[in-house]
């Protein structure tokens, strides 16, 4: 086994602890409504407060994780998760439950920000984010299978999140070695790809809002519109999250063979259709089909979005900012879903959310294309005025491993400027091909490229 999976597992563990609350949102909102006497909209507001607190932690830590180091903020976040969600589980009054949820949400956001910054520093951010989504989907699926059979009112979902955070604590001691080795990055600097990053962050906010508007009221659709019991709904959610595991594994196998634009664009279109199907369901079959199809594709697209945000900045600032923007959308989702379902009914809500999801796919896919969503094929990377680099390397016997494999994302080309005075002093003969002194030249540099 290579060392890379061992280096990534602490990040995956912290990511799981931070992201679990968002995955358990339907059961949290449903149980707050049933056992504390809150309306659907009021319970949705509690869920939104939790996730807004999580987003505020992400915005606060953007660009600061490397200053504090990953270990300390991760431990602070996990402590806040244990204390906040633990208090919410033990409390019996609404104000104390809300306060505990807000404190726990800030801890979840802190843990997620640490994980996002670490994922961006990995040599393969998409692979690590896929492992994180695989882990959190498996954990949430197991809880959806067990929680409905254990009772416990509103206490059990909160206690489950606190317990997972406690179990993840030992992994924080390994975070110091989890970042991939690479060139030193200055402590301060301007955000790269600012326009693309802002478009991506805004797109992820709306995209996540539309997803969680349905996810936050999915249990109510099953109960009110389809007439299912909590046990049956829990089984449907567990099956849907199990299908999501298969989707994430498929995304990990697919990797960057199709780039990022195709999975994001096509996947989002499938999600839009699944939202309409699930929200208009009148039977167990259609409800389960919509939920399973949606949860199969949703984590796949999310893994590519996380990987795209991580590729914008190796320091992880765009990964944290885009993730926090996504958390804002996730936080607003339950309220939006509750309001739309009360005003237009569940089918009308599904049509609005499906159309919104389809429209937001356009700018996000454009960012993926602009940053390098196309696969690397012969001809996609060219020397200036020369032959395709990948094809040239094959035909000239370049050093193995020096050329990116076919199917890898395109690599950025950096222009190197030479002052005019220096150019006048340097003649054409001052340049020669790269390679060992007196040896065979390398295929990547020649005088014709300068």
Protein backbone atom coordinates (compact mmCIF):
# COMPACT_ATOMS: atom_id res chain seq x y z
CA UNK A 1 0.00 0.00 0.00
CA UNK A 2 1.31 3.44 -0.87
CA UNK A 3 1.88 6.12 1.69
CA UNK A 4 -0.60 8.53 0.12
CA UNK A 5 -3.78 6.92 1.54
CA UNK A 6 -2.15 6.82 5.00
CA UNK A 7 -1.31 10.53 4.68
CA UNK A 8 -4.89 11.38 3.73
CA UNK A 9 -6.83 9.44 6.36
CA UNK A 10 -6.61 12.06 9.16
CA UNK A 11 -8.09 14.64 6.80
CA UNK A 12 -10.82 12.19 5.82
CA UNK A 13 -11.65 11.56 9.49
CA UNK A 14 -11.85 15.28 10.35
CA UNK A 15 -13.88 15.93 7.18
CA UNK A 16 -16.36 13.23 8.26
CA UNK A 17 -16.82 14.75 11.71
CA UNK A 18 -17.32 18.23 10.27
CA UNK A 19 -19.67 17.28 7.44
CA UNK A 20 -21.87 14.79 9.31
CA UNK A 21 -24.33 17.36 10.69
CA UNK A 22 -25.34 18.46 7.18
CA UNK A 23 -25.96 14.83 6.17
CA UNK A 24 -28.16 14.23 9.23
CA UNK A 25 -30.15 17.42 8.73
CA UNK A 26 -33.44 15.72 7.68
CA UNK A 27 -33.62 13.58 10.80
CA UNK A 28 -32.58 16.52 13.01
CA UNK A 29 -35.29 18.77 11.55
CA UNK A 30 -37.89 15.98 11.60
CA UNK A 31 -37.24 15.04 15.23
CA UNK A 32 -37.18 18.65 16.41
CA UNK A 33 -40.59 19.07 14.81
CA UNK A 34 -42.07 15.89 16.28
CA UNK A 35 -40.55 15.77 19.77
CA UNK A 36 -40.18 19.46 20.66
CA UNK A 37 -43.46 20.62 19.15
CA UNK A 38 -41.91 22.92 16.56
CA UNK A 39 -43.50 23.62 13.20
CA UNK A 40 -41.68 22.52 10.06
CA UNK A 41 -40.52 26.09 9.41
CA UNK A 42 -39.33 26.54 13.02
CA UNK A 43 -37.40 23.27 12.95
CA UNK A 44 -35.91 24.33 9.63
CA UNK A 45 -34.77 27.59 11.24
CA UNK A 46 -32.91 25.63 13.92
CA UNK A 47 -31.16 23.61 11.22
CA UNK A 48 -30.33 26.82 9.37
CA UNK A 49 -28.86 28.37 12.52
CA UNK A 50 -26.62 25.32 12.95
CA UNK A 51 -25.34 25.49 9.39
CA UNK A 52 -24.94 29.28 9.34
CA UNK A 53 -22.75 28.96 12.41
CA UNK A 54 -20.75 26.33 10.53
CA UNK A 55 -20.36 28.66 7.55
CA UNK A 56 -19.22 31.56 9.75
CA UNK A 57 -16.43 29.37 11.14
CA UNK A 58 -15.26 28.61 7.61
CA UNK A 59 -15.19 32.27 6.60
CA UNK A 60 -13.29 33.14 9.77
CA UNK A 61 -10.60 30.51 9.14
CA UNK A 62 -10.11 31.04 5.40
CA UNK A 63 -6.36 31.51 4.83
CA UNK A 64 -5.56 31.16 8.55
CA UNK A 65 -5.31 27.39 8.95
CA UNK A 66 -1.65 27.35 7.91
CA UNK A 67 -0.94 30.15 10.39
CA UNK A 68 -2.30 28.20 13.36
CA UNK A 69 -1.37 24.79 12.02
CA UNK A 70 -4.01 22.13 11.31
CA UNK A 71 -3.85 20.29 14.64
CA UNK A 72 -4.91 23.08 17.01
CA UNK A 73 -8.00 24.38 15.14
CA UNK A 74 -9.11 20.82 14.38
CA UNK A 75 -9.04 19.96 18.08
CA UNK A 76 -10.87 23.17 18.98
CA UNK A 77 -13.53 22.33 16.39
CA UNK A 78 -13.99 18.79 17.67
CA UNK A 79 -14.25 20.01 21.27
CA UNK A 80 -16.94 22.48 20.23
CA UNK A 81 -18.76 19.66 18.41
CA UNK A 82 -18.71 17.43 21.49
CA UNK A 83 -19.76 20.21 23.89
CA UNK A 84 -22.35 21.86 21.63
CA UNK A 85 -24.08 18.79 20.26
CA UNK A 86 -23.76 17.06 23.63
CA UNK A 87 -25.58 19.94 25.34
CA UNK A 88 -28.24 19.94 22.62
CA UNK A 89 -28.75 16.22 23.21
CA UNK A 90 -29.09 16.64 26.97
CA UNK A 91 -31.24 19.79 26.89
CA UNK A 92 -35.01 19.58 27.03
CA UNK A 93 -35.95 23.18 26.18
CA UNK A 94 -35.85 24.83 22.78
CA UNK A 95 -33.48 27.74 23.66
CA UNK A 96 -30.83 25.38 25.07
CA UNK A 97 -31.14 23.04 22.09
CA UNK A 98 -30.69 25.96 19.69
CA UNK A 99 -27.67 27.26 21.64
CA UNK A 100 -26.05 23.83 21.64
CA UNK A 101 -26.73 23.39 17.93
CA UNK A 102 -25.12 26.76 17.14
CA UNK A 103 -22.00 25.98 19.20
CA UNK A 104 -21.75 22.52 17.65
CA UNK A 105 -22.25 24.00 14.19
CA UNK A 106 -19.30 26.35 14.71
CA UNK A 107 -17.21 23.34 15.66
CA UNK A 108 -18.33 21.46 12.55
CA UNK A 109 -17.38 24.41 10.36
CA UNK A 110 -13.97 24.65 12.01
CA UNK A 111 -13.25 20.97 11.42
CA UNK A 112 -14.45 21.21 7.82
CA UNK A 113 -12.24 24.26 7.15
CA UNK A 114 -9.16 22.42 8.43
CA UNK A 115 -10.00 19.41 6.26
CA UNK A 116 -10.65 21.59 3.18
CA UNK A 117 -7.31 23.38 3.54
CA UNK A 118 -5.52 20.06 3.89
CA UNK A 119 -7.31 18.54 0.91
CA UNK A 120 -6.21 21.47 -1.28
CA UNK A 121 -2.57 20.76 -0.36
CA UNK A 122 -2.82 17.11 -1.44
CA UNK A 123 -1.31 16.04 -4.74
CA UNK A 124 -4.76 14.75 -5.82
CA UNK A 125 -7.48 16.87 -4.15
CA UNK A 126 -10.32 15.12 -5.98
CA UNK A 127 -9.25 11.72 -4.73
CA UNK A 128 -9.05 12.89 -1.11
CA UNK A 129 -12.39 14.72 -1.28
CA UNK A 130 -13.96 11.56 -2.74
CA UNK A 131 -12.60 9.55 0.20
CA UNK A 132 -14.06 12.12 2.60
CA UNK A 133 -17.49 11.99 0.99
CA UNK A 134 -17.28 8.20 0.94
CA UNK A 135 -16.59 8.15 4.67
CA UNK A 136 -19.31 10.63 5.66
CA UNK A 137 -21.88 8.90 3.42
CA UNK A 138 -21.10 5.53 5.01
CA UNK A 139 -21.33 6.99 8.52
CA UNK A 140 -24.61 8.79 7.83
CA UNK A 141 -26.06 5.71 6.12
CA UNK A 142 -25.28 3.55 9.15
CA UNK A 143 -26.95 6.11 11.43
CA UNK A 144 -30.05 6.28 9.24
CA UNK A 145 -30.36 2.50 9.57
CA UNK A 146 -30.04 2.50 13.36
CA UNK A 147 -31.43 5.79 14.71
CA UNK A 148 -35.11 5.18 13.75
CA UNK A 149 -35.08 1.90 15.71
CA UNK A 150 -33.59 3.41 18.89
CA UNK A 151 -36.03 6.20 19.66
CA UNK A 152 -34.48 8.86 21.87
CA UNK A 153 -36.39 11.82 20.51
CA UNK A 154 -34.30 14.76 19.35
CA UNK A 155 -31.39 13.64 21.54
CA UNK A 156 -30.04 10.75 19.50
CA UNK A 157 -29.02 12.59 16.26
CA UNK A 158 -27.12 15.24 18.25
CA UNK A 159 -25.50 12.61 20.47
CA UNK A 160 -24.42 10.65 17.38
CA UNK A 161 -22.59 13.65 15.90
CA UNK A 162 -20.90 14.36 19.25
CA UNK A 163 -19.79 10.73 19.52
CA UNK A 164 -18.27 10.73 16.01
CA UNK A 165 -16.36 13.93 16.84
CA UNK A 166 -15.03 12.26 19.99
CA UNK A 167 -13.92 9.18 18.05
CA UNK A 168 -12.11 11.34 15.47
CA UNK A 169 -10.06 13.17 18.14
CA UNK A 170 -7.02 10.78 18.00
CA UNK A 171 -6.64 11.45 14.26
CA UNK A 172 -5.78 15.11 14.92
CA UNK A 173 -2.32 14.11 16.18
CA UNK A 174 -1.51 12.94 12.64
CA UNK A 175 -2.61 16.10 10.85
CA UNK A 176 0.86 17.60 10.95
CA UNK A 177 2.08 15.03 8.38
CA UNK A 178 -1.06 14.89 6.27
CA UNK A 179 -0.20 17.67 3.86
CA UNK A 180 1.50 16.61 0.69
CA UNK A 181 5.07 17.69 0.29
CA UNK A 182 5.48 20.58 -2.11
CA UNK A 183 7.09 23.95 -2.69
CA UNK A 184 6.93 26.51 0.06
CA UNK A 185 4.03 28.94 -0.27
CA UNK A 186 4.30 32.51 1.00
CA UNK A 187 2.29 33.26 4.11
CA UNK A 188 0.48 36.12 2.41
CA UNK A 189 -0.56 36.73 -1.15
CA UNK A 190 -3.40 37.74 -3.40
CA UNK A 191 -6.06 35.16 -4.13
CA UNK A 192 -5.45 33.61 -7.56
CA UNK A 193 -8.26 33.18 -10.10
CA UNK A 194 -10.42 35.73 -8.27
CA UNK A 195 -13.15 35.98 -10.91
CA UNK A 196 -13.45 32.23 -11.35
CA UNK A 197 -13.35 31.71 -7.60
CA UNK A 198 -16.15 34.20 -6.96
CA UNK A 199 -18.32 32.66 -9.67
CA UNK A 200 -17.67 29.18 -8.28
CA UNK A 201 -18.38 30.24 -4.68
CA UNK A 202 -21.62 31.97 -5.70
CA UNK A 203 -22.64 29.00 -7.82
CA UNK A 204 -21.95 26.55 -5.00
CA UNK A 205 -24.04 28.69 -2.63
CA UNK A 206 -27.11 28.54 -4.89
CA UNK A 207 -26.43 24.92 -5.90
CA UNK A 208 -26.23 23.81 -2.26
CA UNK A 209 -29.27 25.87 -1.32
CA UNK A 210 -31.37 24.09 -3.94
CA UNK A 211 -30.09 20.65 -2.85
CA UNK A 212 -30.73 21.19 0.84
CA UNK A 213 -34.09 22.81 0.27
CA UNK A 214 -35.24 19.36 -0.83
CA UNK A 215 -33.04 17.40 1.59
CA UNK A 216 -34.35 19.40 4.57
CA UNK A 217 -38.00 18.52 3.82
CA UNK A 218 -37.50 15.06 2.31
CA UNK A 219 -38.68 13.34 5.48
CA UNK A 220 -41.82 15.52 5.50
CA UNK A 221 -42.51 14.60 1.87
CA UNK A 222 -42.31 10.92 2.82
CA UNK A 223 -44.64 11.37 5.79
CA UNK A 224 -47.17 13.94 4.53
CA UNK A 225 -47.34 13.25 0.79
CA UNK A 226 -46.44 9.57 0.46
CA UNK A 227 -47.65 8.36 3.88
CA UNK A 228 -44.52 6.49 4.97
CA UNK A 229 -43.37 5.72 8.51
CA UNK A 230 -40.11 7.00 9.99
CA UNK A 231 -38.59 3.52 9.80
CA UNK A 232 -39.42 3.22 6.08
CA UNK A 233 -38.08 6.71 5.37
CA UNK A 234 -34.89 5.88 7.27
CA UNK A 235 -34.47 2.75 5.15
CA UNK A 236 -34.95 4.81 1.95
CA UNK A 237 -32.37 7.36 3.10
CA UNK A 238 -29.92 4.60 4.04
CA UNK A 239 -30.35 2.99 0.60
CA UNK A 240 -29.91 6.40 -1.03
CA UNK A 241 -26.71 7.09 0.90
CA UNK A 242 -25.51 3.57 0.07
CA UNK A 243 -26.03 4.39 -3.60
CA UNK A 244 -24.10 7.58 -2.94
CA UNK A 245 -21.19 5.43 -1.77
CA UNK A 246 -21.20 3.67 -5.12
CA UNK A 247 -21.35 7.02 -6.89
CA UNK A 248 -18.39 8.41 -4.97
CA UNK A 249 -16.37 5.24 -5.61
CA UNK A 250 -17.21 5.55 -9.30
CA UNK A 251 -16.07 9.19 -9.26
CA UNK A 252 -12.81 8.12 -7.64
CA UNK A 253 -12.22 5.52 -10.34
CA UNK A 254 -13.18 7.96 -13.11
CA UNK A 255 -10.91 10.66 -11.68
CA UNK A 256 -10.03 13.32 -14.24
CA UNK A 257 -10.44 11.18 -17.36
CA UNK A 258 -13.37 13.35 -18.47
CA UNK A 259 -12.09 16.52 -16.84
CA UNK A 260 -14.34 18.32 -14.37
CA UNK A 261 -16.77 20.11 -16.67
CA UNK A 262 -18.56 17.00 -17.98
CA UNK A 263 -19.27 15.40 -14.56
CA UNK A 264 -20.37 18.75 -13.10
CA UNK A 265 -22.61 19.76 -16.02
CA UNK A 266 -24.21 16.39 -16.81
CA UNK A 267 -24.44 15.42 -13.13
CA UNK A 268 -26.23 18.65 -12.21
CA UNK A 269 -28.77 18.08 -15.00
CA UNK A 270 -29.50 14.60 -13.61
CA UNK A 271 -29.85 16.07 -10.12
CA UNK A 272 -32.42 18.59 -11.38
CA UNK A 273 -34.57 15.79 -12.79
CA UNK A 274 -34.23 13.78 -9.58
CA UNK A 275 -35.41 16.75 -7.49
CA UNK A 276 -38.57 17.05 -9.58
CA UNK A 277 -39.23 13.30 -9.37
CA UNK A 278 -38.73 13.07 -5.60
CA UNK A 279 -40.80 16.15 -4.73
CA UNK A 280 -43.75 15.04 -6.88
CA UNK A 281 -43.69 11.42 -5.65
CA UNK A 282 -47.01 9.81 -4.74
CA UNK A 283 -45.79 6.31 -3.97
CA UNK A 284 -42.90 4.56 -2.27
CA UNK A 285 -41.40 3.55 -5.64
CA UNK A 286 -41.21 7.03 -7.12
CA UNK A 287 -40.07 8.57 -3.83
CA UNK A 288 -37.31 5.98 -3.39
CA UNK A 289 -36.24 6.25 -7.04
CA UNK A 290 -35.92 10.03 -6.86
CA UNK A 291 -34.05 9.98 -3.55
CA UNK A 292 -31.68 7.17 -4.59
CA UNK A 293 -30.88 8.68 -7.99
CA UNK A 294 -30.38 12.10 -6.46
CA UNK A 295 -28.10 10.85 -3.68
CA UNK A 296 -26.11 8.76 -6.16
CA UNK A 297 -25.18 11.74 -8.32
CA UNK A 298 -25.09 14.50 -5.68
CA UNK A 299 -21.84 13.44 -3.92
CA UNK A 300 -20.20 12.79 -7.30
CA UNK A 301 -20.80 16.37 -8.45
CA UNK A 302 -19.90 17.69 -5.00
CA UNK A 303 -16.55 15.87 -5.06
CA UNK A 304 -15.69 17.50 -8.41
CA UNK A 305 -16.78 20.93 -7.12
CA UNK A 306 -14.58 20.53 -4.03
CA UNK A 307 -11.69 19.40 -6.21
CA UNK A 308 -12.24 22.35 -8.55
CA UNK A 309 -12.20 24.82 -5.65
CA UNK A 310 -9.05 23.19 -4.27
CA UNK A 311 -7.31 23.49 -7.64
CA UNK A 312 -7.76 27.27 -7.62
CA UNK A 313 -5.32 27.80 -4.74
CA UNK A 314 -2.83 25.34 -3.26
CA UNK A 315 -3.13 27.11 0.13
CA UNK A 316 -6.78 26.05 0.27
CA UNK A 317 -8.26 29.53 0.60
CA UNK A 318 -10.73 29.06 -2.26
CA UNK A 319 -11.54 25.56 -0.98
CA UNK A 320 -12.47 27.02 2.42
CA UNK A 321 -14.29 30.06 1.00
CA UNK A 322 -16.27 28.03 -1.54
CA UNK A 323 -17.02 25.41 1.10
CA UNK A 324 -18.25 28.11 3.48
CA UNK A 325 -20.40 29.64 0.75
CA UNK A 326 -21.80 26.17 0.17
CA UNK A 327 -22.54 25.94 3.90
CA UNK A 328 -24.50 29.21 3.70
CA UNK A 329 -26.56 27.68 0.91
CA UNK A 330 -27.01 24.51 2.91
CA UNK A 331 -28.13 26.61 5.90
CA UNK A 332 -30.70 28.56 3.87
CA UNK A 333 -31.95 25.39 2.18
CA UNK A 334 -34.31 24.09 4.91
CA UNK A 335 -35.98 27.50 5.29
CA UNK A 336 -36.34 27.88 1.52
CA UNK A 337 -37.75 24.36 1.22
CA UNK A 338 -40.21 24.93 4.05
CA UNK A 339 -41.43 28.25 2.62
CA UNK A 340 -41.74 26.94 -0.95
CA UNK A 341 -43.52 23.76 0.14
CA UNK A 342 -46.02 25.74 2.22
CA UNK A 343 -46.68 28.27 -0.56
CA UNK A 344 -46.57 26.07 -3.68
CA UNK A 345 -46.79 22.52 -2.35
CA UNK A 346 -44.09 19.89 -2.67
CA UNK A 347 -44.44 19.42 -6.48
CA UNK A 348 -44.28 23.18 -7.09
CA UNK A 349 -41.24 23.43 -4.83
CA UNK A 350 -39.55 20.67 -6.87
CA UNK A 351 -40.13 22.51 -10.16
CA UNK A 352 -38.62 25.72 -8.81
CA UNK A 353 -35.61 23.95 -7.31
CA UNK A 354 -35.06 21.82 -10.40
CA UNK A 355 -35.06 24.84 -12.72
CA UNK A 356 -32.71 26.74 -10.41
CA UNK A 357 -30.30 23.80 -10.27
CA UNK A 358 -30.30 23.51 -14.04
CA UNK A 359 -29.59 27.21 -14.53
CA UNK A 360 -26.71 27.33 -12.04
CA UNK A 361 -24.99 24.49 -13.88
CA UNK A 362 -24.05 26.88 -16.70
CA UNK A 363 -21.66 29.28 -14.90
CA UNK A 364 -20.17 26.54 -12.71
CA UNK A 365 -19.44 24.36 -15.74
CA UNK A 366 -17.92 27.39 -17.48
CA UNK A 367 -15.51 27.82 -14.56
CA UNK A 368 -14.54 24.16 -14.79
CA UNK A 369 -13.80 24.59 -18.50
CA UNK A 370 -11.84 27.79 -17.93
CA UNK A 371 -9.67 26.40 -15.15
CA UNK A 372 -8.90 23.17 -16.97
CA UNK A 373 -11.87 20.86 -17.02
CA UNK A 374 -10.97 19.31 -20.37
CA UNK A 375 -9.02 16.06 -20.31
CA UNK A 376 -5.38 16.13 -21.33
CA UNK A 377 -5.11 14.48 -24.73
CA UNK A 378 -2.44 14.74 -27.41
CA UNK A 379 -2.66 18.31 -28.65
CA UNK A 380 -4.15 19.91 -25.52
CA UNK A 381 -0.73 21.11 -24.28
CA UNK A 382 1.44 22.72 -26.94
CA UNK A 383 4.76 24.41 -26.99
CA UNK A 384 4.61 27.86 -28.53
CA UNK A 385 4.65 27.20 -32.26
CA UNK A 386 5.63 23.56 -31.67
CA UNK A 387 4.11 20.12 -31.60
CA UNK A 388 1.87 18.82 -28.81
CA UNK A 389 4.07 18.21 -25.75
CA UNK A 390 2.52 14.86 -24.83
CA UNK A 391 2.84 13.56 -28.38
CA UNK A 392 6.36 14.97 -28.76
CA UNK A 393 7.53 13.32 -25.57
CA UNK A 394 6.28 9.95 -26.76
CA UNK A 395 8.19 10.19 -30.01
CA UNK A 396 11.46 11.56 -28.62
CA UNK A 397 12.07 9.27 -25.68
CA UNK A 398 11.53 11.79 -22.90
CA UNK A 399 12.31 10.87 -19.32
CA UNK A 400 9.49 8.66 -17.96
CA UNK A 401 7.25 10.44 -15.49
CA UNK A 402 8.14 13.90 -16.79
CA UNK A 403 5.03 14.13 -18.95
CA UNK A 404 1.49 14.12 -17.49
CA UNK A 405 -0.51 11.02 -18.29
CA UNK A 406 -3.28 11.12 -20.82
CA UNK A 407 -6.52 12.05 -19.08
CA UNK A 408 -4.88 14.29 -16.46
CA UNK A 409 -6.11 17.91 -16.13
CA UNK A 410 -4.33 20.52 -18.22
CA UNK A 411 -1.36 22.20 -16.59
CA UNK A 412 -1.02 25.97 -16.53
CA UNK A 413 1.80 27.52 -18.59
CA UNK A 414 3.68 30.42 -16.99
CA UNK A 415 5.18 33.18 -19.11
CA UNK A 416 8.73 34.23 -18.14
CA UNK A 417 9.56 37.83 -19.08
CA UNK A 418 13.12 39.02 -19.74
CA UNK A 419 13.91 42.76 -19.46
CA UNK A 420 14.60 44.51 -22.77
CA UNK A 421 18.17 45.45 -21.82
CA UNK A 422 18.98 41.85 -20.96
CA UNK A 423 17.43 40.63 -24.21
CA UNK A 424 19.73 42.94 -26.19
CA UNK A 425 22.77 41.49 -24.42
CA UNK A 426 21.73 37.87 -25.00
CA UNK A 427 22.06 36.55 -28.49
CA UNK A 428 20.15 33.61 -29.90
CA UNK A 429 23.20 31.36 -29.41
CA UNK A 430 23.05 31.98 -25.66
CA UNK A 431 20.09 29.60 -25.47
CA UNK A 432 20.36 25.84 -25.79
CA UNK A 433 18.18 22.83 -25.16
CA UNK A 434 17.53 21.56 -21.66
CA UNK A 435 19.16 18.36 -20.45
CA UNK A 436 22.33 17.01 -18.87
CA UNK A 437 25.58 18.74 -19.82
CA UNK A 438 26.71 17.34 -23.13
CA UNK A 439 23.97 14.71 -23.13
CA UNK A 440 20.81 14.10 -25.13
CA UNK A 441 18.48 17.07 -25.08
CA UNK A 442 15.10 17.04 -23.43
CA UNK A 443 11.96 17.36 -25.53
CA UNK A 444 10.47 20.19 -23.48
CA UNK A 445 12.70 23.12 -24.39
CA UNK A 446 14.18 24.32 -27.62
CA UNK A 447 15.28 27.61 -29.09
CA UNK A 448 12.20 27.68 -31.28
CA UNK A 449 10.01 28.01 -28.18
CA UNK A 450 11.55 31.16 -26.87
